[in-house]
Amino acid sequence: MRLMPCLFAMSLMSAPALAAGGTWELLAETGGCTVTLVPEMIDDGIFFVDRGEADCGPDIGRITGYALNDEGGEIVFYSTLEGVDLVGQMAREAEGLYRGTLRNGVALRMEHTSGPKGIADPRTGLTTGEDLAPAFAESGDETTPPSAEMPEETAPPGNCRTYAGGRSCAAEEDIDAPPGGQLQTLTRMNLRDIAGTSGSGVVGQAEAGTCFDVSLCDSDAEGRLWCSVSTAALSGWILKQDAGTVYSRNSCL
């Protein structure tokens, strides 16, 4: 019998209770199955993907969690089987239809089959299609959770750096500045006007799975690595890694 991941109910006490959405057919070239997106937290900012007892194939079979970006316009899928690993992401193409890719480049499609089409986002207390609360930039709160900029002190296993939100060691190719000039965030991150937190201001916020072009990386006085990044809509300095944690991968899907 498959066990449902441990739920961190205390993290959701401030959000309205949300029901699970409808059923969706999640398909890749390597397999697929019917899933339900359940608004129950299994890791920081990541919520449960219920695959039932189905054999979903080697890729989709790894997916255990989801997060919503862009008011439900984008879904990021994670595996929490061994730490937290970004598996793939999709963008909404039409009502009830999402398309994207897995991290290994395999095409991914999710199509609504029955029940409600709205997907619950417990971070906002809303489902897709509803208006969000005022944006972070309008709130005046520099530390709107979940922010990975100042993580809690943890002891990585085997003295290695771990990926954000997980217990697995970061791969060697994801440590230090990205040689290919791109990085992809693993969790929601603040962007600042200069490298470091001392004397800097927050100029924006990037959702998990955001792909950035990198122009420069530099270390602050505490040894944390910051990178100057940009997209068509965002730019600023983002925390790449500290002594214990890697917050983005050195390549994009």
Protein backbone atom coordinates (compact mmCIF):
# COMPACT_ATOMS: atom_id res chain seq x y z
CA MET A 1 0.00 0.00 0.00
CA ARG A 2 1.37 3.42 -0.95
CA LEU A 3 1.68 5.79 1.98
CA MET A 4 0.68 9.43 1.58
CA PRO A 5 3.56 11.82 2.38
CA CYS A 6 3.60 13.40 5.83
CA LEU A 7 1.47 16.56 5.93
CA PHE A 8 2.61 19.71 7.66
CA ALA A 9 -0.84 20.90 8.70
CA MET A 10 0.40 23.70 10.92
CA SER A 11 1.76 25.52 7.86
CA LEU A 12 -1.76 25.80 6.44
CA MET A 13 -3.62 27.02 9.52
CA SER A 14 -3.74 30.60 8.25
CA ALA A 15 -5.15 29.62 4.83
CA PRO A 16 -8.76 28.69 4.08
CA ALA A 17 -9.49 24.98 3.75
CA LEU A 18 -9.58 24.00 0.09
CA ALA A 19 -11.02 20.88 -1.49
CA ALA A 20 -9.12 18.71 -3.93
CA GLY A 21 -9.65 19.62 -7.57
CA GLY A 22 -10.91 17.44 -10.39
CA THR A 23 -9.07 14.61 -12.08
CA TRP A 24 -6.46 15.16 -14.78
CA GLU A 25 -4.71 12.92 -17.27
CA LEU A 26 -0.96 13.51 -16.90
CA LEU A 27 0.94 12.11 -19.88
CA ALA A 28 4.54 11.84 -21.11
CA GLU A 29 6.22 9.69 -23.75
CA THR A 30 7.39 7.35 -21.00
CA GLY A 31 3.99 6.79 -19.40
CA GLY A 32 1.07 8.50 -17.73
CA CYS A 33 -1.86 8.18 -15.36
CA THR A 34 -4.82 9.98 -13.83
CA VAL A 35 -3.93 12.37 -10.99
CA THR A 36 -5.66 14.67 -8.53
CA LEU A 37 -3.97 17.82 -7.22
CA VAL A 38 -4.65 17.89 -3.48
CA PRO A 39 -4.08 21.14 -1.49
CA GLU A 40 -2.25 19.41 1.37
CA MET A 41 1.34 20.46 2.03
CA ILE A 42 4.05 17.81 1.76
CA ASP A 43 7.00 20.24 1.84
CA ASP A 44 7.51 23.99 2.06
CA GLY A 45 5.21 25.47 -0.61
CA ILE A 46 4.70 22.07 -2.31
CA PHE A 47 1.35 20.25 -2.33
CA PHE A 48 0.27 16.65 -2.87
CA VAL A 49 -0.17 15.02 -6.29
CA ASP A 50 -2.31 11.92 -5.75
CA ARG A 51 -1.48 9.25 -8.34
CA GLY A 52 -3.48 6.53 -6.61
CA GLU A 53 -2.06 3.04 -7.12
CA ALA A 54 -1.41 3.47 -10.85
CA ASP A 55 1.86 2.64 -12.59
CA CYS A 56 2.60 6.02 -14.16
CA GLY A 57 5.94 5.19 -15.77
CA PRO A 58 9.49 6.09 -14.69
CA ASP A 59 9.12 9.86 -15.06
CA ILE A 60 5.58 10.73 -13.96
CA GLY A 61 5.88 8.01 -11.33
CA ARG A 62 8.41 10.23 -9.53
CA ILE A 63 6.01 13.17 -9.21
CA THR A 64 4.63 13.62 -5.70
CA GLY A 65 4.01 17.38 -5.40
CA TYR A 66 3.04 20.56 -7.24
CA ALA A 67 3.29 24.33 -6.87
CA LEU A 68 1.40 27.02 -8.80
CA ASN A 69 2.96 30.13 -10.32
CA ASP A 70 1.51 33.02 -12.30
CA GLU A 71 -2.00 32.69 -10.79
CA GLY A 72 -2.23 29.10 -11.96
CA GLY A 73 -0.83 29.83 -15.40
CA GLU A 74 2.14 27.60 -14.61
CA ILE A 75 2.46 24.34 -12.67
CA VAL A 76 5.80 23.10 -11.33
CA PHE A 77 6.06 19.41 -10.42
CA TYR A 78 8.41 18.00 -7.77
CA SER A 79 9.56 14.67 -6.43
CA THR A 80 9.85 14.46 -2.64
CA LEU A 81 10.83 10.79 -2.58
CA GLU A 82 14.47 11.64 -1.78
CA GLY A 83 14.68 15.27 -0.75
CA VAL A 84 13.07 17.79 -3.12
CA ASP A 85 13.77 17.60 -6.84
CA LEU A 86 12.21 19.67 -9.63
CA VAL A 87 10.80 17.15 -12.13
CA GLY A 88 9.10 19.35 -14.74
CA GLN A 89 6.86 22.32 -15.41
CA MET A 90 3.94 23.23 -17.65
CA ALA A 91 2.11 26.34 -18.82
CA ARG A 92 -1.64 26.64 -19.34
CA GLU A 93 -2.37 26.43 -23.07
CA ALA A 94 -6.18 26.51 -22.84
CA GLU A 95 -8.88 25.92 -20.26
CA GLY A 96 -8.30 22.44 -18.88
CA LEU A 97 -5.05 21.91 -20.81
CA TYR A 98 -1.40 22.38 -19.75
CA ARG A 99 1.73 21.58 -21.78
CA GLY A 100 5.41 21.61 -20.88
CA THR A 101 8.46 19.41 -20.41
CA LEU A 102 10.07 17.20 -17.84
CA ARG A 103 13.54 18.13 -16.66
CA ASN A 104 15.01 15.48 -18.97
CA GLY A 105 13.39 17.18 -21.98
CA VAL A 106 10.49 14.74 -22.44
CA ALA A 107 7.23 16.45 -23.48
CA LEU A 108 4.56 16.62 -20.77
CA ARG A 109 0.81 17.22 -21.09
CA MET A 110 -1.97 17.46 -18.50
CA GLU A 111 -5.61 17.49 -19.59
CA HIS A 112 -8.73 17.81 -17.44
CA THR A 113 -10.99 14.74 -17.46
CA SER A 114 -13.65 15.26 -14.77
CA GLY A 115 -14.71 17.35 -11.78
CA PRO A 116 -13.71 20.97 -11.04
CA LYS A 117 -11.18 22.54 -13.41
CA GLY A 118 -9.91 24.99 -10.80
CA ILE A 119 -6.61 24.02 -9.12
CA ALA A 120 -6.27 24.99 -5.47
CA ASP A 121 -3.34 27.12 -4.29
CA PRO A 122 -3.26 26.99 -0.46
CA ARG A 123 -0.66 29.80 -0.38
CA THR A 124 -3.36 32.25 -1.50
CA GLY A 125 -6.53 30.43 -0.41
CA LEU A 126 -7.79 30.63 -4.00
CA THR A 127 -8.26 28.36 -6.98
CA THR A 128 -7.12 29.13 -10.51
CA GLY A 129 -9.31 31.73 -12.16
CA GLU A 130 -9.82 33.78 -8.99
CA ASP A 131 -8.09 37.09 -8.26
CA LEU A 132 -4.99 37.00 -6.11
CA ALA A 133 -4.38 39.19 -3.09
CA PRO A 134 -2.18 42.31 -3.64
CA ALA A 135 1.25 41.46 -5.01
CA PHE A 136 4.34 41.16 -2.85
CA ALA A 137 5.78 44.40 -4.19
CA GLU A 138 2.72 46.29 -2.94
CA SER A 139 2.71 44.79 0.55
CA GLY A 140 5.82 46.50 1.91
CA ASP A 141 6.86 43.23 3.57
CA GLU A 142 10.40 42.24 2.63
CA THR A 143 10.10 38.75 4.06
CA THR A 144 6.79 37.49 2.69
CA PRO A 145 6.98 33.70 3.13
CA PRO A 146 8.00 31.35 1.75
CA SER A 147 11.31 33.19 1.25
CA ALA A 148 14.44 31.11 0.83
CA GLU A 149 16.74 34.09 1.18
CA MET A 150 17.48 33.55 4.88
CA PRO A 151 17.07 29.81 5.50
CA GLU A 152 17.05 28.17 8.90
CA GLU A 153 20.32 26.61 10.01
CA THR A 154 20.33 22.91 9.20
CA ALA A 155 22.96 20.20 9.20
CA PRO A 156 23.29 18.80 5.66
CA PRO A 157 23.84 15.04 5.51
CA GLY A 158 27.49 14.14 5.07
CA ASN A 159 28.51 17.83 5.24
CA CYS A 160 27.27 18.42 1.68
CA ARG A 161 25.19 21.29 0.36
CA THR A 162 21.55 20.28 -0.07
CA TYR A 163 18.95 21.50 -2.53
CA ALA A 164 16.46 24.02 -1.10
CA GLY A 165 13.69 22.40 0.91
CA GLY A 166 15.21 18.93 0.81
CA ARG A 167 17.71 16.60 2.38
CA SER A 168 19.46 15.35 -0.76
CA CYS A 169 22.94 16.55 -1.63
CA ALA A 170 23.16 18.98 -4.54
CA ALA A 171 24.80 17.65 -7.69
CA GLU A 172 28.30 18.91 -8.39
CA GLU A 173 27.17 20.63 -11.60
CA ASP A 174 24.68 22.77 -9.63
CA ILE A 175 27.26 24.12 -7.16
CA ASP A 176 28.94 27.51 -7.68
CA ALA A 177 28.25 29.97 -10.51
CA PRO A 178 26.46 28.58 -13.59
CA PRO A 179 29.00 28.09 -16.41
CA GLY A 180 26.27 28.18 -19.05
CA GLY A 181 24.95 31.61 -18.09
CA GLN A 182 21.53 30.43 -16.86
CA LEU A 183 19.99 29.26 -13.60
CA GLN A 184 16.55 28.00 -12.54
CA THR A 185 15.15 28.62 -9.06
CA LEU A 186 14.06 25.66 -6.93
CA THR A 187 11.92 27.71 -4.54
CA ARG A 188 10.41 31.19 -4.28
CA MET A 189 13.24 33.74 -4.02
CA ASN A 190 13.65 37.46 -3.36
CA LEU A 191 15.50 39.67 -5.86
CA ARG A 192 17.60 42.51 -4.41
CA ASP A 193 19.15 45.66 -5.82
CA ILE A 194 22.67 44.66 -4.72
CA ALA A 195 24.36 41.41 -3.72
CA GLY A 196 23.71 40.62 -0.06
CA THR A 197 21.11 41.52 2.54
CA SER A 198 23.02 44.27 4.34
CA GLY A 199 21.99 47.66 2.95
CA SER A 200 20.03 46.18 0.07
CA GLY A 201 16.34 46.34 -0.82
CA VAL A 202 13.95 43.80 -2.30
CA VAL A 203 13.03 44.73 -5.88
CA GLY A 204 10.95 41.69 -6.78
CA GLN A 205 10.23 38.05 -6.21
CA ALA A 206 10.75 35.00 -8.42
CA GLU A 207 8.61 31.89 -8.24
CA ALA A 208 10.02 28.37 -8.16
CA GLY A 209 11.02 27.19 -11.62
CA THR A 210 11.88 30.66 -12.98
CA CYS A 211 14.65 30.56 -15.60
CA PHE A 212 17.09 33.49 -15.46
CA ASP A 213 19.95 34.70 -17.63
CA VAL A 214 23.02 35.30 -15.46
CA SER A 215 25.43 38.17 -16.12
CA LEU A 216 27.62 38.05 -12.99
CA CYS A 217 28.02 36.18 -9.70
CA ASP A 218 29.79 37.40 -6.56
CA SER A 219 30.17 36.37 -2.92
CA ASP A 220 29.21 38.59 0.01
CA ALA A 221 31.13 39.07 3.26
CA GLU A 222 29.49 35.97 4.73
CA GLY A 223 30.55 33.76 1.82
CA ARG A 224 27.10 33.45 0.25
CA LEU A 225 27.05 33.40 -3.55
CA TRP A 226 24.77 35.93 -5.28
CA CYS A 227 24.08 36.21 -9.01
CA SER A 228 22.90 39.17 -11.07
CA VAL A 229 20.00 37.75 -13.08
CA SER A 230 17.31 38.88 -15.48
CA THR A 231 14.27 37.84 -17.49
CA ALA A 232 12.10 39.96 -19.76
CA ALA A 233 10.16 41.08 -16.66
CA LEU A 234 12.55 40.73 -13.70
CA SER A 235 16.10 41.72 -12.83
CA GLY A 236 18.18 41.91 -9.69
CA TRP A 237 20.52 39.92 -7.47
CA ILE A 238 19.41 36.49 -6.28
CA LEU A 239 20.92 34.19 -3.66
CA LYS A 240 22.42 31.22 -5.53
CA GLN A 241 23.82 29.26 -2.58
CA ASP A 242 25.12 29.54 0.95
CA ALA A 243 27.25 27.25 3.11
CA GLY A 244 24.53 24.62 3.41
CA THR A 245 21.97 25.08 0.62
CA VAL A 246 21.73 25.45 -3.16
CA TYR A 247 18.66 27.47 -4.20
CA SER A 248 18.83 27.09 -7.98
CA ARG A 249 20.16 24.71 -10.60
CA ASN A 250 22.79 25.73 -13.14
CA SER A 251 20.58 25.00 -16.15
CA CYS A 252 16.98 25.51 -17.25
CA LEU A 253 14.34 23.10 -18.51
